[in-house]
Amino acid sequence: MSKTNTTSSRYGQKRTLTPNGHGIYTMEGDAHYYRVGMNEDNTKIAYFDPEGGPFIAVGSELDRFGGQITEIIVEKAPQGRFKIRLEIDS
């Protein structure tokens, strides 16, 4: 299993991506707001875009982990933060 990766938004906010095993990753960080879009039949999340990025979309490649994002799930987080679960098909 890979180790946690850290990057920054264009506003300098820390973003961490942690592998949980079996192609599942958690991304979290500070954000006062974010946008979420649904797929065409409104059954699943199609993209997640926290302030300052990164823009995360189903079907995008997650280069550091050698796979394509197949699902995005928004998880509960304290106010001023976000937490999402990404499923990757490698």
PDB file of N, CA and C in Angstrom:
ATOM      1  N   MET A   1       0.851  -1.177   0.000  1.00  0.00           N
ATOM      2  CA  MET A   1       0.000   0.000   0.000  1.00  0.00           C
ATOM      3  C   MET A   1       0.895   1.238   0.000  1.00  0.00           C
ATOM      4  N   SER A   2       0.525   2.245  -0.790  1.00  0.00           N
ATOM      5  CA  SER A   2       1.280   3.490  -0.884  1.00  0.00           C
ATOM      6  C   SER A   2       1.082   4.320   0.370  1.00  0.00           C
ATOM      7  N   LYS A   3       1.948   5.301   0.535  1.00  0.00           N
ATOM      8  CA  LYS A   3       1.828   6.180   1.690  1.00  0.00           C
ATOM      9  C   LYS A   3       0.969   7.397   1.354  1.00  0.00           C
ATOM     10  N   THR A   4       0.607   8.160   2.351  1.00  0.00           N
ATOM     11  CA  THR A   4      -0.190   9.368   2.184  1.00  0.00           C
ATOM     12  C   THR A   4       0.573  10.396   1.356  1.00  0.00           C
ATOM     13  N   ASN A   5      -0.127  11.032   0.429  1.00  0.00           N
ATOM     14  CA  ASN A   5       0.439  12.105  -0.382  1.00  0.00           C
ATOM     15  C   ASN A   5      -0.198  13.412   0.026  1.00  0.00           C
ATOM     16  N   THR A   6       0.597  14.470   0.024  1.00  0.00           N
ATOM     17  CA  THR A   6       0.109  15.790   0.372  1.00  0.00           C
ATOM     18  C   THR A   6       0.390  16.749  -0.766  1.00  0.00           C
ATOM     19  N   THR A   7      -0.578  17.596  -1.054  1.00  0.00           N
ATOM     20  CA  THR A   7      -0.433  18.635  -2.061  1.00  0.00           C
ATOM     21  C   THR A   7      -1.138  19.877  -1.527  1.00  0.00           C
ATOM     22  N   SER A   8      -1.100  20.952  -2.274  1.00  0.00           N
ATOM     23  CA  SER A   8      -1.758  22.192  -1.851  1.00  0.00           C
ATOM     24  C   SER A   8      -2.705  22.672  -2.931  1.00  0.00           C
ATOM     25  N   SER A   9      -3.767  23.344  -2.492  1.00  0.00           N
ATOM     26  CA  SER A   9      -4.667  23.998  -3.439  1.00  0.00           C
ATOM     27  C   SER A   9      -3.953  25.237  -3.980  1.00  0.00           C
ATOM     28  N   ARG A  10      -4.534  25.874  -4.977  1.00  0.00           N
ATOM     29  CA  ARG A  10      -3.901  27.082  -5.509  1.00  0.00           C
ATOM     30  C   ARG A  10      -3.911  28.229  -4.493  1.00  0.00           C
ATOM     31  N   TYR A  11      -4.665  28.069  -3.393  1.00  0.00           N
ATOM     32  CA  TYR A  11      -4.674  29.072  -2.325  1.00  0.00           C
ATOM     33  C   TYR A  11      -3.775  28.669  -1.155  1.00  0.00           C
ATOM     34  N   GLY A  12      -3.042  27.572  -1.321  1.00  0.00           N
ATOM     35  CA  GLY A  12      -2.115  27.127  -0.286  1.00  0.00           C
ATOM     36  C   GLY A  12      -2.722  26.225   0.771  1.00  0.00           C
ATOM     37  N   GLN A  13      -3.968  25.792   0.581  1.00  0.00           N
ATOM     38  CA  GLN A  13      -4.611  24.908   1.548  1.00  0.00           C
ATOM     39  C   GLN A  13      -4.105  23.473   1.349  1.00  0.00           C
ATOM     40  N   LYS A  14      -3.778  22.818   2.432  1.00  0.00           N
ATOM     41  CA  LYS A  14      -3.246  21.462   2.393  1.00  0.00           C
ATOM     42  C   LYS A  14      -4.332  20.459   2.003  1.00  0.00           C
ATOM     43  N   ARG A  15      -3.974  19.533   1.098  1.00  0.00           N
ATOM     44  CA  ARG A  15      -4.845  18.438   0.677  1.00  0.00           C
ATOM     45  C   ARG A  15      -4.076  17.143   0.902  1.00  0.00           C
ATOM     46  N   THR A  16      -4.687  16.180   1.587  1.00  0.00           N
ATOM     47  CA  THR A  16      -4.028  14.890   1.787  1.00  0.00           C
ATOM     48  C   THR A  16      -4.831  13.792   1.102  1.00  0.00           C
ATOM     49  N   LEU A  17      -4.125  12.863   0.510  1.00  0.00           N
ATOM     50  CA  LEU A  17      -4.719  11.713  -0.150  1.00  0.00           C
ATOM     51  C   LEU A  17      -4.114  10.470   0.489  1.00  0.00           C
ATOM     52  N   THR A  18      -4.964   9.699   1.158  1.00  0.00           N
ATOM     53  CA  THR A  18      -4.517   8.545   1.926  1.00  0.00           C
ATOM     54  C   THR A  18      -5.076   7.259   1.337  1.00  0.00           C
ATOM     55  N   PRO A  19      -4.225   6.300   1.004  1.00  0.00           N
ATOM     56  CA  PRO A  19      -4.722   5.006   0.525  1.00  0.00           C
ATOM     57  C   PRO A  19      -5.289   4.190   1.684  1.00  0.00           C
ATOM     58  N   ASN A  20      -6.467   3.602   1.471  1.00  0.00           N
ATOM     59  CA  ASN A  20      -7.107   2.772   2.497  1.00  0.00           C
ATOM     60  C   ASN A  20      -7.057   1.291   2.143  1.00  0.00           C
ATOM     61  N   GLY A  21      -6.511   0.984   0.961  1.00  0.00           N
ATOM     62  CA  GLY A  21      -6.442  -0.399   0.513  1.00  0.00           C
ATOM     63  C   GLY A  21      -7.559  -0.734  -0.464  1.00  0.00           C
ATOM     64  N   HIS A  22      -7.313  -1.725  -1.303  1.00  0.00           N
ATOM     65  CA  HIS A  22      -8.300  -2.235  -2.260  1.00  0.00           C
ATOM     66  C   HIS A  22      -8.830  -1.155  -3.199  1.00  0.00           C
ATOM     67  N   GLY A  23      -7.974  -0.195  -3.600  1.00  0.00           N
ATOM     68  CA  GLY A  23      -8.368   0.834  -4.552  1.00  0.00           C
ATOM     69  C   GLY A  23      -9.232   1.941  -3.986  1.00  0.00           C
ATOM     70  N   ILE A  24      -9.266   2.089  -2.678  1.00  0.00           N
ATOM     71  CA  ILE A  24     -10.052   3.140  -2.034  1.00  0.00           C
ATOM     72  C   ILE A  24      -9.105   4.129  -1.366  1.00  0.00           C
ATOM     73  N   TYR A  25      -9.370   5.422  -1.591  1.00  0.00           N
ATOM     74  CA  TYR A  25      -8.538   6.505  -1.062  1.00  0.00           C
ATOM     75  C   TYR A  25      -9.421   7.533  -0.384  1.00  0.00           C
ATOM     76  N   THR A  26      -8.872   8.211   0.607  1.00  0.00           N
ATOM     77  CA  THR A  26      -9.563   9.318   1.263  1.00  0.00           C
ATOM     78  C   THR A  26      -8.803  10.596   0.964  1.00  0.00           C
ATOM     79  N   MET A  27      -9.524  11.617   0.497  1.00  0.00           N
ATOM     80  CA  MET A  27      -8.932  12.937   0.304  1.00  0.00           C
ATOM     81  C   MET A  27      -9.626  13.884   1.271  1.00  0.00           C
ATOM     82  N   GLU A  28      -8.827  14.705   1.947  1.00  0.00           N
ATOM     83  CA  GLU A  28      -9.407  15.674   2.873  1.00  0.00           C
ATOM     84  C   GLU A  28      -8.555  16.923   2.953  1.00  0.00           C
ATOM     85  N   GLY A  29      -9.181  17.990   3.433  1.00  0.00           N
ATOM     86  CA  GLY A  29      -8.472  19.253   3.572  1.00  0.00           C
ATOM     87  C   GLY A  29      -9.405  20.359   3.997  1.00  0.00           C
ATOM     88  N   ASP A  30      -8.850  21.554   4.111  1.00  0.00           N
ATOM     89  CA  ASP A  30      -9.628  22.733   4.476  1.00  0.00           C
ATOM     90  C   ASP A  30     -10.345  23.275   3.256  1.00  0.00           C
ATOM     91  N   ALA A  31     -11.587  23.699   3.443  1.00  0.00           N
ATOM     92  CA  ALA A  31     -12.352  24.343   2.372  1.00  0.00           C
ATOM     93  C   ALA A  31     -13.592  24.986   2.989  1.00  0.00           C
ATOM     94  N   HIS A  32     -13.790  26.234   2.676  1.00  0.00           N
ATOM     95  CA  HIS A  32     -14.999  26.919   3.157  1.00  0.00           C
ATOM     96  C   HIS A  32     -16.200  26.566   2.295  1.00  0.00           C
ATOM     97  N   TYR A  33     -15.941  26.153   1.053  1.00  0.00           N
ATOM     98  CA  TYR A  33     -17.017  25.724   0.167  1.00  0.00           C
ATOM     99  C   TYR A  33     -16.476  24.760  -0.869  1.00  0.00           C
ATOM    100  N   TYR A  34     -17.377  24.035  -1.502  1.00  0.00           N
ATOM    101  CA  TYR A  34     -17.030  23.152  -2.612  1.00  0.00           C
ATOM    102  C   TYR A  34     -18.268  22.949  -3.475  1.00  0.00           C
ATOM    103  N   ARG A  35     -18.027  22.514  -4.711  1.00  0.00           N
ATOM    104  CA  ARG A  35     -19.127  22.217  -5.632  1.00  0.00           C
ATOM    105  C   ARG A  35     -19.169  20.716  -5.869  1.00  0.00           C
ATOM    106  N   VAL A  36     -20.373  20.215  -6.042  1.00  0.00           N
ATOM    107  CA  VAL A  36     -20.573  18.805  -6.347  1.00  0.00           C
ATOM    108  C   VAL A  36     -21.560  18.727  -7.500  1.00  0.00           C
ATOM    109  N   GLY A  37     -21.263  17.889  -8.499  1.00  0.00           N
ATOM    110  CA  GLY A  37     -22.174  17.687  -9.618  1.00  0.00           C
ATOM    111  C   GLY A  37     -22.570  16.226  -9.708  1.00  0.00           C
ATOM    112  N   MET A  38     -23.778  15.993 -10.186  1.00  0.00           N
ATOM    113  CA  MET A  38     -24.307  14.637 -10.292  1.00  0.00           C
ATOM    114  C   MET A  38     -24.223  14.127 -11.728  1.00  0.00           C
ATOM    115  N   ASN A  39     -24.286  12.809 -11.879  1.00  0.00           N
ATOM    116  CA  ASN A  39     -24.313  12.224 -13.213  1.00  0.00           C
ATOM    117  C   ASN A  39     -25.675  12.506 -13.858  1.00  0.00           C
ATOM    118  N   GLU A  40     -25.860  12.062 -15.103  1.00  0.00           N
ATOM    119  CA  GLU A  40     -27.058  12.412 -15.866  1.00  0.00           C
ATOM    120  C   GLU A  40     -28.361  11.936 -15.236  1.00  0.00           C
ATOM    121  N   ASP A  41     -28.344  10.785 -14.565  1.00  0.00           N
ATOM    122  CA  ASP A  41     -29.599  10.316 -13.953  1.00  0.00           C
ATOM    123  C   ASP A  41     -29.678  10.617 -12.451  1.00  0.00           C
ATOM    124  N   ASN A  42     -28.798  11.486 -11.973  1.00  0.00           N
ATOM    125  CA  ASN A  42     -28.788  11.959 -10.580  1.00  0.00           C
ATOM    126  C   ASN A  42     -28.698  10.845  -9.538  1.00  0.00           C
ATOM    127  N   THR A  43     -27.949   9.796  -9.858  1.00  0.00           N
ATOM    128  CA  THR A  43     -27.807   8.697  -8.906  1.00  0.00           C
ATOM    129  C   THR A  43     -26.443   8.649  -8.233  1.00  0.00           C
ATOM    130  N   LYS A  44     -25.437   9.288  -8.842  1.00  0.00           N
ATOM    131  CA  LYS A  44     -24.079   9.268  -8.281  1.00  0.00           C
ATOM    132  C   LYS A  44     -23.403  10.607  -8.508  1.00  0.00           C
ATOM    133  N   ILE A  45     -22.399  10.874  -7.692  1.00  0.00           N
ATOM    134  CA  ILE A  45     -21.615  12.098  -7.838  1.00  0.00           C
ATOM    135  C   ILE A  45     -20.705  11.957  -9.050  1.00  0.00           C
ATOM    136  N   ALA A  46     -20.705  12.980  -9.912  1.00  0.00           N
ATOM    137  CA  ALA A  46     -19.866  12.984 -11.111  1.00  0.00           C
ATOM    138  C   ALA A  46     -18.573  13.753 -10.882  1.00  0.00           C
ATOM    139  N   TYR A  47     -18.630  14.814 -10.049  1.00  0.00           N
ATOM    140  CA  TYR A  47     -17.403  15.565  -9.756  1.00  0.00           C
ATOM    141  C   TYR A  47     -17.497  16.225  -8.394  1.00  0.00           C
ATOM    142  N   PHE A  48     -16.320  16.552  -7.863  1.00  0.00           N
ATOM    143  CA  PHE A  48     -16.175  17.254  -6.585  1.00  0.00           C
ATOM    144  C   PHE A  48     -15.099  18.306  -6.794  1.00  0.00           C
ATOM    145  N   ASP A  49     -15.395  19.543  -6.426  1.00  0.00           N
ATOM    146  CA  ASP A  49     -14.461  20.649  -6.682  1.00  0.00           C
ATOM    147  C   ASP A  49     -14.369  21.561  -5.462  1.00  0.00           C
ATOM    148  N   PRO A  50     -13.402  21.308  -4.558  1.00  0.00           N
ATOM    149  CA  PRO A  50     -13.230  22.188  -3.398  1.00  0.00           C
ATOM    150  C   PRO A  50     -12.594  23.513  -3.823  1.00  0.00           C
ATOM    151  N   GLU A  51     -12.807  24.559  -3.025  1.00  0.00           N
ATOM    152  CA  GLU A  51     -12.202  25.853  -3.367  1.00  0.00           C
ATOM    153  C   GLU A  51     -10.698  25.686  -3.543  1.00  0.00           C
ATOM    154  N   GLY A  52     -10.182  26.227  -4.625  1.00  0.00           N
ATOM    155  CA  GLY A  52      -8.756  26.135  -4.903  1.00  0.00           C
ATOM    156  C   GLY A  52      -8.304  24.825  -5.501  1.00  0.00           C
ATOM    157  N   GLY A  53      -9.240  23.866  -5.654  1.00  0.00           N
ATOM    158  CA  GLY A  53      -8.910  22.589  -6.280  1.00  0.00           C
ATOM    159  C   GLY A  53      -8.297  21.597  -5.317  1.00  0.00           C
ATOM    160  N   PRO A  54      -8.019  20.434  -5.835  1.00  0.00           N
ATOM    161  CA  PRO A  54      -8.094  20.031  -7.234  1.00  0.00           C
ATOM    162  C   PRO A  54      -9.510  19.609  -7.623  1.00  0.00           C
ATOM    163  N   PHE A  55      -9.835  19.764  -8.894  1.00  0.00           N
ATOM    164  CA  PHE A  55     -11.097  19.301  -9.450  1.00  0.00           C
ATOM    165  C   PHE A  55     -10.994  17.789  -9.620  1.00  0.00           C
ATOM    166  N   ILE A  56     -11.927  17.043  -9.033  1.00  0.00           N
ATOM    167  CA  ILE A  56     -11.915  15.581  -9.064  1.00  0.00           C
ATOM    168  C   ILE A  56     -13.167  15.120  -9.803  1.00  0.00           C
ATOM    169  N   ALA A  57     -13.013  14.307 -10.847  1.00  0.00           N
ATOM    170  CA  ALA A  57     -14.163  13.834 -11.622  1.00  0.00           C
ATOM    171  C   ALA A  57     -14.077  12.332 -11.860  1.00  0.00           C
ATOM    172  N   VAL A  58     -15.241  11.686 -11.863  1.00  0.00           N
ATOM    173  CA  VAL A  58     -15.303  10.273 -12.231  1.00  0.00           C
ATOM    174  C   VAL A  58     -14.782  10.147 -13.660  1.00  0.00           C
ATOM    175  N   GLY A  59     -13.934   9.166 -13.884  1.00  0.00           N
ATOM    176  CA  GLY A  59     -13.335   8.954 -15.193  1.00  0.00           C
ATOM    177  C   GLY A  59     -11.957   9.565 -15.334  1.00  0.00           C
ATOM    178  N   SER A  60     -11.584  10.454 -14.392  1.00  0.00           N
ATOM    179  CA  SER A  60     -10.254  11.063 -14.432  1.00  0.00           C
ATOM    180  C   SER A  60      -9.204  10.061 -13.971  1.00  0.00           C
ATOM    181  N   GLU A  61      -8.009  10.226 -14.493  1.00  0.00           N
ATOM    182  CA  GLU A  61      -6.882   9.403 -14.060  1.00  0.00           C
ATOM    183  C   GLU A  61      -6.302   9.991 -12.782  1.00  0.00           C
ATOM    184  N   LEU A  62      -5.979   9.134 -11.857  1.00  0.00           N
ATOM    185  CA  LEU A  62      -5.277   9.545 -10.645  1.00  0.00           C
ATOM    186  C   LEU A  62      -3.850   9.057 -10.823  1.00  0.00           C
ATOM    187  N   ASP A  63      -3.046   9.874 -11.494  1.00  0.00           N
ATOM    188  CA  ASP A  63      -1.709   9.478 -11.950  1.00  0.00           C
ATOM    189  C   ASP A  63      -0.824   8.882 -10.870  1.00  0.00           C
ATOM    190  N   ARG A  64      -0.838   9.460  -9.691  1.00  0.00           N
ATOM    191  CA  ARG A  64       0.065   8.977  -8.640  1.00  0.00           C
ATOM    192  C   ARG A  64      -0.217   7.535  -8.235  1.00  0.00           C
ATOM    193  N   PHE A  65      -1.450   7.088  -8.517  1.00  0.00           N
ATOM    194  CA  PHE A  65      -1.825   5.747  -8.084  1.00  0.00           C
ATOM    195  C   PHE A  65      -2.169   4.831  -9.246  1.00  0.00           C
ATOM    196  N   GLY A  66      -1.967   5.306 -10.460  1.00  0.00           N
ATOM    197  CA  GLY A  66      -2.110   4.470 -11.644  1.00  0.00           C
ATOM    198  C   GLY A  66      -3.488   3.917 -11.891  1.00  0.00           C
ATOM    199  N   GLY A  67      -4.509   4.735 -11.724  1.00  0.00           N
ATOM    200  CA  GLY A  67      -5.862   4.248 -11.969  1.00  0.00           C
ATOM    201  C   GLY A  67      -6.831   5.361 -12.287  1.00  0.00           C
ATOM    202  N   GLN A  68      -8.031   4.948 -12.642  1.00  0.00           N
ATOM    203  CA  GLN A  68      -9.087   5.881 -13.009  1.00  0.00           C
ATOM    204  C   GLN A  68     -10.123   5.944 -11.887  1.00  0.00           C
ATOM    205  N   ILE A  69     -10.623   7.148 -11.588  1.00  0.00           N
ATOM    206  CA  ILE A  69     -11.628   7.317 -10.546  1.00  0.00           C
ATOM    207  C   ILE A  69     -12.952   6.754 -11.038  1.00  0.00           C
ATOM    208  N   THR A  70     -13.535   5.828 -10.262  1.00  0.00           N
ATOM    209  CA  THR A  70     -14.809   5.226 -10.639  1.00  0.00           C
ATOM    210  C   THR A  70     -15.969   5.699  -9.778  1.00  0.00           C
ATOM    211  N   GLU A  71     -15.669   6.197  -8.574  1.00  0.00           N
ATOM    212  CA  GLU A  71     -16.747   6.676  -7.703  1.00  0.00           C
ATOM    213  C   GLU A  71     -16.203   7.703  -6.715  1.00  0.00           C
ATOM    214  N   ILE A  72     -17.055   8.689  -6.405  1.00  0.00           N
ATOM    215  CA  ILE A  72     -16.731   9.725  -5.426  1.00  0.00           C
ATOM    216  C   ILE A  72     -17.850   9.721  -4.392  1.00  0.00           C
ATOM    217  N   ILE A  73     -17.480   9.649  -3.121  1.00  0.00           N
ATOM    218  CA  ILE A  73     -18.457   9.677  -2.036  1.00  0.00           C
ATOM    219  C   ILE A  73     -18.048  10.765  -1.058  1.00  0.00           C
ATOM    220  N   VAL A  74     -18.949  11.713  -0.784  1.00  0.00           N
ATOM    221  CA  VAL A  74     -18.681  12.780   0.172  1.00  0.00           C
ATOM    222  C   VAL A  74     -18.973  12.247   1.567  1.00  0.00           C
ATOM    223  N   GLU A  75     -18.011  12.396   2.461  1.00  0.00           N
ATOM    224  CA  GLU A  75     -18.167  11.931   3.833  1.00  0.00           C
ATOM    225  C   GLU A  75     -18.314  13.123   4.774  1.00  0.00           C
ATOM    226  N   LYS A  76     -18.840  12.862   5.944  1.00  0.00           N
ATOM    227  CA  LYS A  76     -19.036  13.906   6.944  1.00  0.00           C
ATOM    228  C   LYS A  76     -17.686  14.453   7.404  1.00  0.00           C
ATOM    229  N   ALA A  77     -17.608  15.785   7.516  1.00  0.00           N
ATOM    230  CA  ALA A  77     -16.378  16.451   7.975  1.00  0.00           C
ATOM    231  C   ALA A  77     -16.765  17.667   8.803  1.00  0.00           C
ATOM    232  N   PRO A  78     -15.884  18.114   9.687  1.00  0.00           N
ATOM    233  CA  PRO A  78     -16.171  19.318  10.468  1.00  0.00           C
ATOM    234  C   PRO A  78     -16.326  20.543   9.558  1.00  0.00           C
ATOM    235  N   GLN A  79     -17.007  21.553  10.067  1.00  0.00           N
ATOM    236  CA  GLN A  79     -17.184  22.789   9.303  1.00  0.00           C
ATOM    237  C   GLN A  79     -15.826  23.359   8.921  1.00  0.00           C
ATOM    238  N   GLY A  80     -15.706  23.827   7.671  1.00  0.00           N
ATOM    239  CA  GLY A  80     -14.456  24.389   7.187  1.00  0.00           C
ATOM    240  C   GLY A  80     -13.503  23.355   6.603  1.00  0.00           C
ATOM    241  N   ARG A  81     -13.962  22.089   6.537  1.00  0.00           N
ATOM    242  CA  ARG A  81     -13.139  21.017   5.980  1.00  0.00           C
ATOM    243  C   ARG A  81     -13.994  20.176   5.037  1.00  0.00           C
ATOM    244  N   PHE A  82     -13.333  19.371   4.213  1.00  0.00           N
ATOM    245  CA  PHE A  82     -14.036  18.399   3.386  1.00  0.00           C
ATOM    246  C   PHE A  82     -13.346  17.053   3.516  1.00  0.00           C
ATOM    247  N   LYS A  83     -14.101  16.008   3.215  1.00  0.00           N
ATOM    248  CA  LYS A  83     -13.561  14.655   3.222  1.00  0.00           C
ATOM    249  C   LYS A  83     -14.336  13.861   2.182  1.00  0.00           C
ATOM    250  N   ILE A  84     -13.615  13.263   1.233  1.00  0.00           N
ATOM    251  CA  ILE A  84     -14.255  12.441   0.216  1.00  0.00           C
ATOM    252  C   ILE A  84     -13.541  11.104   0.121  1.00  0.00           C
ATOM    253  N   ARG A  85     -14.291  10.099  -0.308  1.00  0.00           N
ATOM    254  CA  ARG A  85     -13.717   8.776  -0.567  1.00  0.00           C
ATOM    255  C   ARG A  85     -13.716   8.573  -2.073  1.00  0.00           C
ATOM    256  N   LEU A  86     -12.584   8.165  -2.587  1.00  0.00           N
ATOM    257  CA  LEU A  86     -12.425   7.918  -4.019  1.00  0.00           C
ATOM    258  C   LEU A  86     -12.196   6.427  -4.237  1.00  0.00           C
ATOM    259  N   GLU A  87     -12.923   5.866  -5.187  1.00  0.00           N
ATOM    260  CA  GLU A  87     -12.676   4.491  -5.576  1.00  0.00           C
ATOM    261  C   GLU A  87     -11.955   4.524  -6.908  1.00  0.00           C
ATOM    262  N   ILE A  88     -10.850   3.789  -7.003  1.00  0.00           N
ATOM    263  CA  ILE A  88      -9.973   3.806  -8.160  1.00  0.00           C
ATOM    264  C   ILE A  88      -9.936   2.416  -8.786  1.00  0.00           C
ATOM    265  N   ASP A  89     -10.126   2.363 -10.096  1.00  0.00           N
ATOM    266  CA  ASP A  89     -10.013   1.118 -10.841  1.00  0.00           C
ATOM    267  C   ASP A  89      -8.633   1.098 -11.487  1.00  0.00           C
ATOM    268  N   SER A  90      -7.733   0.306 -10.941  1.00  0.00           N
ATOM    269  CA  SER A  90      -6.362   0.301 -11.468  1.00  0.00           C
ATOM    270  C   SER A  90      -6.131  -0.780 -12.477  1.00  0.00           C
TER     271      SER A  90
END
